Amino acid sequence: MTQTFIIAEAGVNHNGSVELAKRLVDEAIEAGCDAVKFQTFKAENVVSRIAEKAEYQKKHTGSEENQLQMIKKLELSFEDFRELKKYCDNRGIMFLSSPFDTESVDFLANLGVEFFKIPSGEIVNLPFLRKVASYEKKVILSTGMATLNEVTAAVSVLNSCEISLLHCTTEYPCPYEEVNLRAIQTLKNEFGLEVGYSDHTEGIEVAIAAVAMGATIIEKHFTIDKNMEGPDHKASLQLYELKKMVSTIRNIEKAFGNGEKVPSQSELKNIPIVRKSVVAKCAIKKGEVFSEKNITTKRPGNGISPMKWDAIIGSRAAKDYAKDELI
């Protein structure tokens, strides 16, 4: 089985500080993630002055400022991202960033990202999708808030790219009853593409369940400290949780196996210990007829299998048997 690709979603949890962003890179490496992902945008290209904050954003950052003012404080410069990309390359972890406007798409393409991660909010942004498709790179497309028809339309625009899909519920944190993990299989069946899961629930159990249900990519928000100021910290994992998620996923991968139903190597030695054989229920004389009165089944399992019971009943003993002796 291909190893699950685990993306540590730093997002904007750097709070506009490139130094804090580097600390997030370090933590993603320590946790054993395959990639660390940020968000690249020019605030004025993404949000108008009349755009309101989402309810979860108001809850965690207040309602005094509008969405533009909030995300402007969370914006890193293109030069910052050049520095971060170099830092990731030197540290040996894949650098990723989701673009939120076409200028950022061009910048990331020129920066040399291995693939584009399209955020859920852009799945119905036709000019944006066309810009991404023009580079013919691999694409991971998040499908939060989308209908199957909207996913189909986006996939058709991106058909020049190698596409993977992420099932996602765009709420922070996402209620467990709205996760709908079965949609992972729906997307696989509908599109025949690689499908993963972008997790916005609290904790790690849903991401782990997604892997068990066939997700081959996991994306999860993380932070230095959940109590920091900012819109996404509360719905993010801290380092110890991220480590636990990664190690648990790796254990699940080992447990998948190849699907062939045969005894495992470690089981073979236990077969004679825990299985049973046909044995004498009492002392049996040579020539006596075997019946339910004088034979039974007991451990160990290195004699005649109880599955041969019917063939033994009614036959005659070829020798004397002591109680509990293997027939």
Protein backbone atom coordinates (compact mmCIF):
# COMPACT_ATOMS: atom_id res chain seq x y z
CA MET A 1 0.00 0.00 0.00
CA THR A 2 1.15 3.54 -0.75
CA GLN A 3 1.98 5.45 2.42
CA THR A 4 -0.58 8.07 3.44
CA PHE A 5 0.61 11.54 2.46
CA ILE A 6 0.27 13.67 5.61
CA ILE A 7 0.08 17.44 5.19
CA ALA A 8 0.64 19.57 8.29
CA GLU A 9 -1.58 22.59 7.62
CA ALA A 10 0.16 25.61 9.15
CA GLY A 11 -2.19 27.87 7.20
CA VAL A 12 -2.10 31.34 8.73
CA ASN A 13 -1.22 30.12 12.22
CA HIS A 14 2.08 32.00 11.87
CA ASN A 15 0.08 35.19 12.61
CA GLY A 16 2.04 37.09 9.98
CA SER A 17 5.48 36.20 11.39
CA VAL A 18 7.96 34.37 9.18
CA GLU A 19 9.93 33.32 12.26
CA LEU A 20 6.83 31.71 13.75
CA ALA A 21 6.23 30.07 10.36
CA LYS A 22 9.70 28.50 10.60
CA ARG A 23 8.85 27.15 14.06
CA LEU A 24 5.79 25.54 12.52
CA VAL A 25 8.00 23.95 9.86
CA ASP A 26 10.23 22.55 12.61
CA GLU A 27 7.23 21.09 14.43
CA ALA A 28 5.84 19.48 11.26
CA ILE A 29 9.22 17.80 10.78
CA GLU A 30 9.35 16.66 14.41
CA ALA A 31 5.87 15.15 14.06
CA GLY A 32 6.94 13.16 10.99
CA CYS A 33 4.70 14.85 8.42
CA ASP A 34 5.41 14.65 4.69
CA ALA A 35 4.67 18.29 3.91
CA VAL A 36 3.94 21.58 5.63
CA LYS A 37 1.41 23.87 3.98
CA PHE A 38 0.79 27.59 4.24
CA GLN A 39 -1.64 29.98 2.51
CA THR A 40 -0.41 32.47 -0.07
CA PHE A 41 -2.53 35.50 -0.90
CA LYS A 42 -2.65 39.22 -1.46
CA ALA A 43 -5.43 40.24 0.89
CA GLU A 44 -6.80 42.93 -1.45
CA ASN A 45 -7.04 40.38 -4.27
CA VAL A 46 -9.04 37.96 -2.15
CA VAL A 47 -11.45 39.92 0.04
CA SER A 48 -13.50 43.04 -0.60
CA ARG A 49 -13.97 45.77 1.99
CA ILE A 50 -17.59 44.71 2.54
CA ALA A 51 -16.88 41.01 3.20
CA GLU A 52 -17.89 39.91 6.69
CA LYS A 53 -16.05 37.41 8.83
CA ALA A 54 -17.32 33.87 9.25
CA GLU A 55 -18.97 33.12 12.57
CA TYR A 56 -16.00 31.07 13.80
CA GLN A 57 -13.69 33.97 12.86
CA LYS A 58 -15.81 36.43 14.82
CA LYS A 59 -15.79 34.05 17.78
CA HIS A 60 -12.01 33.80 17.89
CA THR A 61 -10.94 37.28 16.71
CA GLY A 62 -13.85 39.55 17.60
CA SER A 63 -16.16 41.54 15.34
CA GLU A 64 -14.51 44.97 15.48
CA GLU A 65 -12.57 44.50 12.23
CA ASN A 66 -13.81 43.18 8.89
CA GLN A 67 -12.47 40.13 7.07
CA LEU A 68 -10.05 42.19 4.96
CA GLN A 69 -8.50 43.78 8.01
CA MET A 70 -8.18 40.41 9.71
CA ILE A 71 -6.46 38.55 6.89
CA LYS A 72 -4.23 41.51 6.05
CA LYS A 73 -2.57 40.93 9.42
CA LEU A 74 -2.08 37.25 8.49
CA GLU A 75 -0.45 37.92 5.11
CA LEU A 76 3.14 36.94 4.41
CA SER A 77 5.02 38.60 1.55
CA PHE A 78 6.22 36.73 -1.52
CA GLU A 79 9.75 37.28 -0.22
CA ASP A 80 8.73 35.60 3.05
CA PHE A 81 7.54 32.58 1.09
CA ARG A 82 10.81 32.41 -0.86
CA GLU A 83 12.56 32.28 2.50
CA LEU A 84 10.18 29.62 3.80
CA LYS A 85 10.54 27.47 0.68
CA LYS A 86 14.33 27.58 1.04
CA TYR A 87 14.03 26.77 4.74
CA CYS A 88 11.84 23.74 4.01
CA ASP A 89 14.17 22.54 1.27
CA ASN A 90 17.16 22.76 3.61
CA ARG A 91 15.27 20.94 6.38
CA GLY A 92 14.07 18.17 4.07
CA ILE A 93 10.29 18.66 4.16
CA MET A 94 8.03 19.48 1.24
CA PHE A 95 6.87 23.10 1.13
CA LEU A 96 3.29 23.66 0.01
CA SER A 97 1.00 26.65 0.02
CA SER A 98 -2.58 27.14 -1.11
CA PRO A 99 -2.97 30.12 -3.44
CA PHE A 100 -6.09 32.24 -3.02
CA ASP A 101 -5.71 34.50 -6.07
CA THR A 102 -4.28 34.20 -9.56
CA GLU A 103 -1.23 36.38 -8.77
CA SER A 104 -0.35 33.92 -6.03
CA VAL A 105 -0.83 30.99 -8.43
CA ASP A 106 1.78 32.50 -10.74
CA PHE A 107 4.12 33.20 -7.86
CA LEU A 108 3.94 29.65 -6.44
CA ALA A 109 4.38 28.10 -9.88
CA ASN A 110 7.52 30.17 -10.42
CA LEU A 111 8.68 29.30 -6.89
CA GLY A 112 8.68 25.66 -7.93
CA VAL A 113 6.01 24.06 -5.75
CA GLU A 114 5.57 20.38 -6.61
CA PHE A 115 1.82 20.73 -6.89
CA PHE A 116 -1.06 23.10 -6.21
CA LYS A 117 -3.40 22.63 -3.27
CA ILE A 118 -6.68 24.34 -4.16
CA PRO A 119 -8.70 25.45 -1.12
CA SER A 120 -12.40 24.65 -0.90
CA GLY A 121 -13.48 28.25 -1.38
CA GLU A 122 -11.96 28.38 -4.87
CA ILE A 123 -13.69 25.26 -6.25
CA VAL A 124 -16.30 27.45 -8.01
CA ASN A 125 -13.82 30.18 -9.12
CA LEU A 126 -13.53 29.52 -12.85
CA PRO A 127 -10.79 32.09 -13.71
CA PHE A 128 -8.73 30.83 -10.79
CA LEU A 129 -9.16 27.17 -11.80
CA ARG A 130 -8.18 27.98 -15.39
CA LYS A 131 -5.03 29.71 -14.16
CA VAL A 132 -4.08 26.65 -12.09
CA ALA A 133 -4.86 24.32 -14.99
CA SER A 134 -2.61 26.33 -17.30
CA TYR A 135 0.46 25.10 -15.42
CA GLU A 136 -0.52 21.42 -15.83
CA LYS A 137 0.88 20.54 -12.42
CA LYS A 138 -0.48 17.94 -10.03
CA VAL A 139 -3.47 19.35 -8.13
CA ILE A 140 -5.05 18.46 -4.80
CA LEU A 141 -8.56 19.86 -4.77
CA SER A 142 -10.47 20.36 -1.50
CA THR A 143 -14.21 19.87 -1.89
CA GLY A 144 -15.64 21.53 1.22
CA MET A 145 -19.11 23.11 0.73
CA ALA A 146 -19.34 21.58 -2.76
CA THR A 147 -22.02 19.46 -4.38
CA LEU A 148 -21.08 16.52 -6.57
CA ASN A 149 -22.01 18.59 -9.64
CA GLU A 150 -19.68 21.40 -8.52
CA VAL A 151 -16.83 18.93 -8.03
CA THR A 152 -17.51 17.53 -11.49
CA ALA A 153 -17.37 21.00 -13.03
CA ALA A 154 -14.07 21.84 -11.30
CA VAL A 155 -12.51 18.52 -12.30
CA SER A 156 -13.47 19.15 -15.94
CA VAL A 157 -11.68 22.54 -15.85
CA LEU A 158 -8.59 20.93 -14.33
CA ASN A 159 -8.54 17.96 -16.71
CA SER A 160 -5.04 18.87 -17.97
CA CYS A 161 -3.71 18.18 -14.46
CA GLU A 162 -3.20 15.06 -12.36
CA ILE A 163 -5.97 15.50 -9.78
CA SER A 164 -6.47 14.22 -6.25
CA LEU A 165 -9.57 15.14 -4.25
CA LEU A 166 -9.96 15.89 -0.57
CA HIS A 167 -13.28 15.35 1.12
CA CYS A 168 -13.78 18.22 3.56
CA THR A 169 -16.41 19.93 5.71
CA THR A 170 -15.73 23.66 5.87
CA GLU A 171 -16.52 24.48 9.48
CA TYR A 172 -14.06 25.18 12.29
CA PRO A 173 -14.28 23.00 14.27
CA CYS A 174 -16.44 20.63 12.27
CA PRO A 175 -19.19 18.82 14.25
CA TYR A 176 -18.68 15.06 14.15
CA GLU A 177 -22.19 14.49 12.83
CA GLU A 178 -21.37 16.62 9.75
CA VAL A 179 -18.13 14.87 8.78
CA ASN A 180 -19.76 12.31 6.42
CA LEU A 181 -16.69 10.12 5.92
CA ARG A 182 -18.67 7.88 3.55
CA ALA A 183 -18.34 10.66 0.99
CA ILE A 184 -14.72 9.54 0.55
CA GLN A 185 -15.96 6.39 -1.16
CA THR A 186 -18.58 8.38 -3.09
CA LEU A 187 -15.85 10.57 -4.58
CA LYS A 188 -13.72 7.52 -5.41
CA ASN A 189 -16.60 5.78 -7.13
CA GLU A 190 -17.69 8.88 -9.05
CA PHE A 191 -14.32 10.07 -10.32
CA GLY A 192 -11.90 7.15 -10.04
CA LEU A 193 -9.32 9.52 -8.55
CA GLU A 194 -7.12 9.40 -5.47
CA VAL A 195 -9.16 10.73 -2.55
CA GLY A 196 -8.03 12.04 0.82
CA TYR A 197 -9.52 13.97 3.69
CA SER A 198 -8.96 17.49 5.01
CA ASP A 199 -9.92 17.32 8.68
CA HIS A 200 -11.40 20.24 10.62
CA THR A 201 -12.72 18.26 13.59
CA GLU A 202 -11.27 18.53 17.07
CA GLY A 203 -8.90 15.74 18.00
CA ILE A 204 -7.33 13.09 15.77
CA GLU A 205 -9.81 10.21 15.68
CA VAL A 206 -11.68 11.26 12.54
CA ALA A 207 -8.49 11.67 10.51
CA ILE A 208 -7.43 8.20 11.64
CA ALA A 209 -10.83 6.76 10.72
CA ALA A 210 -10.54 8.38 7.28
CA VAL A 211 -7.30 6.49 6.63
CA ALA A 212 -8.98 3.25 7.68
CA MET A 213 -11.74 4.05 5.16
CA GLY A 214 -9.29 4.51 2.31
CA ALA A 215 -8.12 8.14 2.42
CA THR A 216 -4.58 8.33 1.03
CA ILE A 217 -3.97 12.00 1.87
CA ILE A 218 -4.61 13.61 5.25
CA GLU A 219 -4.48 17.34 5.84
CA LYS A 220 -4.74 18.67 9.39
CA HIS A 221 -4.33 22.15 10.90
CA PHE A 222 -1.74 22.54 13.64
CA THR A 223 -0.43 25.37 15.77
CA ILE A 224 2.26 26.26 18.28
CA ASP A 225 -0.41 27.09 20.86
CA LYS A 226 -4.20 26.82 20.66
CA ASN A 227 -4.53 29.87 22.89
CA MET A 228 -2.81 32.24 20.46
CA GLU A 229 -4.79 35.04 18.87
CA GLY A 230 -6.09 34.22 15.41
CA PRO A 231 -9.00 32.55 13.59
CA ASP A 232 -7.70 28.98 13.24
CA HIS A 233 -5.68 28.17 16.37
CA LYS A 234 -8.58 26.76 18.39
CA ALA A 235 -9.42 24.17 15.73
CA SER A 236 -5.79 23.11 15.29
CA LEU A 237 -3.63 20.39 16.84
CA GLN A 238 -0.64 21.07 19.02
CA LEU A 239 2.62 19.23 18.48
CA TYR A 240 1.95 16.29 20.83
CA GLU A 241 -1.41 15.69 19.12
CA LEU A 242 0.09 15.95 15.64
CA LYS A 243 2.78 13.43 16.60
CA LYS A 244 0.14 11.05 17.91
CA MET A 245 -1.93 11.38 14.73
CA VAL A 246 1.05 10.64 12.49
CA SER A 247 2.26 7.65 14.53
CA THR A 248 -1.25 6.18 14.69
CA ILE A 249 -1.73 6.52 10.93
CA ARG A 250 1.60 4.79 10.34
CA ASN A 251 0.52 1.92 12.61
CA ILE A 252 -2.78 1.60 10.72
CA GLU A 253 -0.87 1.38 7.44
CA LYS A 254 1.14 -1.55 8.82
CA ALA A 255 -2.09 -3.23 9.88
CA PHE A 256 -3.72 -3.12 6.41
CA GLY A 257 -1.72 -6.09 5.09
CA ASN A 258 -2.22 -7.61 1.64
CA GLY A 259 -5.74 -8.96 2.10
CA GLU A 260 -4.77 -12.61 1.69
CA LYS A 261 -6.47 -14.71 4.37
CA VAL A 262 -3.76 -17.08 5.59
CA PRO A 263 -2.12 -17.55 9.01
CA SER A 264 0.43 -14.84 9.71
CA GLN A 265 4.02 -15.76 10.46
CA SER A 266 3.55 -15.11 14.17
CA GLU A 267 0.36 -17.21 14.26
CA LEU A 268 1.94 -20.40 12.93
CA LYS A 269 3.65 -21.28 16.20
CA ASN A 270 0.33 -20.95 18.07
CA ILE A 271 -1.65 -23.40 15.91
CA PRO A 272 -0.68 -26.54 17.88
CA ILE A 273 -1.12 -24.66 21.16
CA VAL A 274 -4.65 -23.29 20.76
CA ARG A 275 -6.30 -25.70 18.32
CA LYS A 276 -7.58 -29.13 19.38
CA SER A 277 -7.15 -32.73 18.27
CA VAL A 278 -9.23 -35.90 18.64
CA VAL A 279 -8.22 -37.62 21.89
CA ALA A 280 -9.32 -40.53 24.03
CA LYS A 281 -12.03 -39.51 26.46
CA CYS A 282 -11.20 -42.54 28.59
CA ALA A 283 -9.04 -45.67 28.29
CA ILE A 284 -9.80 -47.44 24.99
CA LYS A 285 -8.94 -51.06 24.16
CA LYS A 286 -7.65 -52.22 20.79
CA GLY A 287 -10.57 -53.12 18.52
CA GLU A 288 -13.07 -51.00 20.44
CA VAL A 289 -15.42 -48.87 18.28
CA PHE A 290 -14.84 -45.10 18.48
CA SER A 291 -17.95 -43.23 19.60
CA GLU A 292 -18.94 -40.05 21.36
CA LYS A 293 -18.66 -42.01 24.60
CA ASN A 294 -14.95 -42.69 24.31
CA ILE A 295 -13.44 -39.88 22.24
CA THR A 296 -13.51 -36.09 22.55
CA THR A 297 -11.54 -33.02 21.40
CA LYS A 298 -8.80 -31.36 23.46
CA ARG A 299 -5.61 -29.39 23.03
CA PRO A 300 -2.90 -29.72 21.70
CA GLY A 301 -3.67 -29.36 18.01
CA ASN A 302 -0.90 -31.51 16.55
CA GLY A 303 -3.02 -34.66 16.17
CA ILE A 304 -6.02 -35.50 13.98
CA SER A 305 -8.17 -32.44 13.37
CA PRO A 306 -11.68 -32.47 14.86
CA MET A 307 -12.88 -31.74 11.32
CA LYS A 308 -12.19 -35.49 10.67
CA TRP A 309 -14.64 -36.40 13.48
CA ASP A 310 -17.24 -38.04 11.26
CA ALA A 311 -14.61 -40.25 9.61
CA ILE A 312 -13.36 -41.49 12.99
CA ILE A 313 -16.74 -42.23 14.59
CA GLY A 314 -17.64 -45.90 13.95
CA SER A 315 -14.10 -47.03 13.11
CA ARG A 316 -12.14 -49.35 15.42
CA ALA A 317 -9.11 -48.60 17.56
CA ALA A 318 -5.92 -50.04 16.07
CA LYS A 319 -4.25 -50.05 19.50
CA ASP A 320 -4.87 -49.40 23.17
CA TYR A 321 -5.27 -45.75 24.16
CA ALA A 322 -4.87 -44.10 27.55
CA LYS A 323 -7.12 -41.24 28.60
CA ASP A 324 -6.19 -37.95 26.79
CA GLU A 325 -3.92 -39.79 24.32
CA LEU A 326 -4.03 -38.43 20.75
CA ILE A 327 -5.99 -40.74 18.45
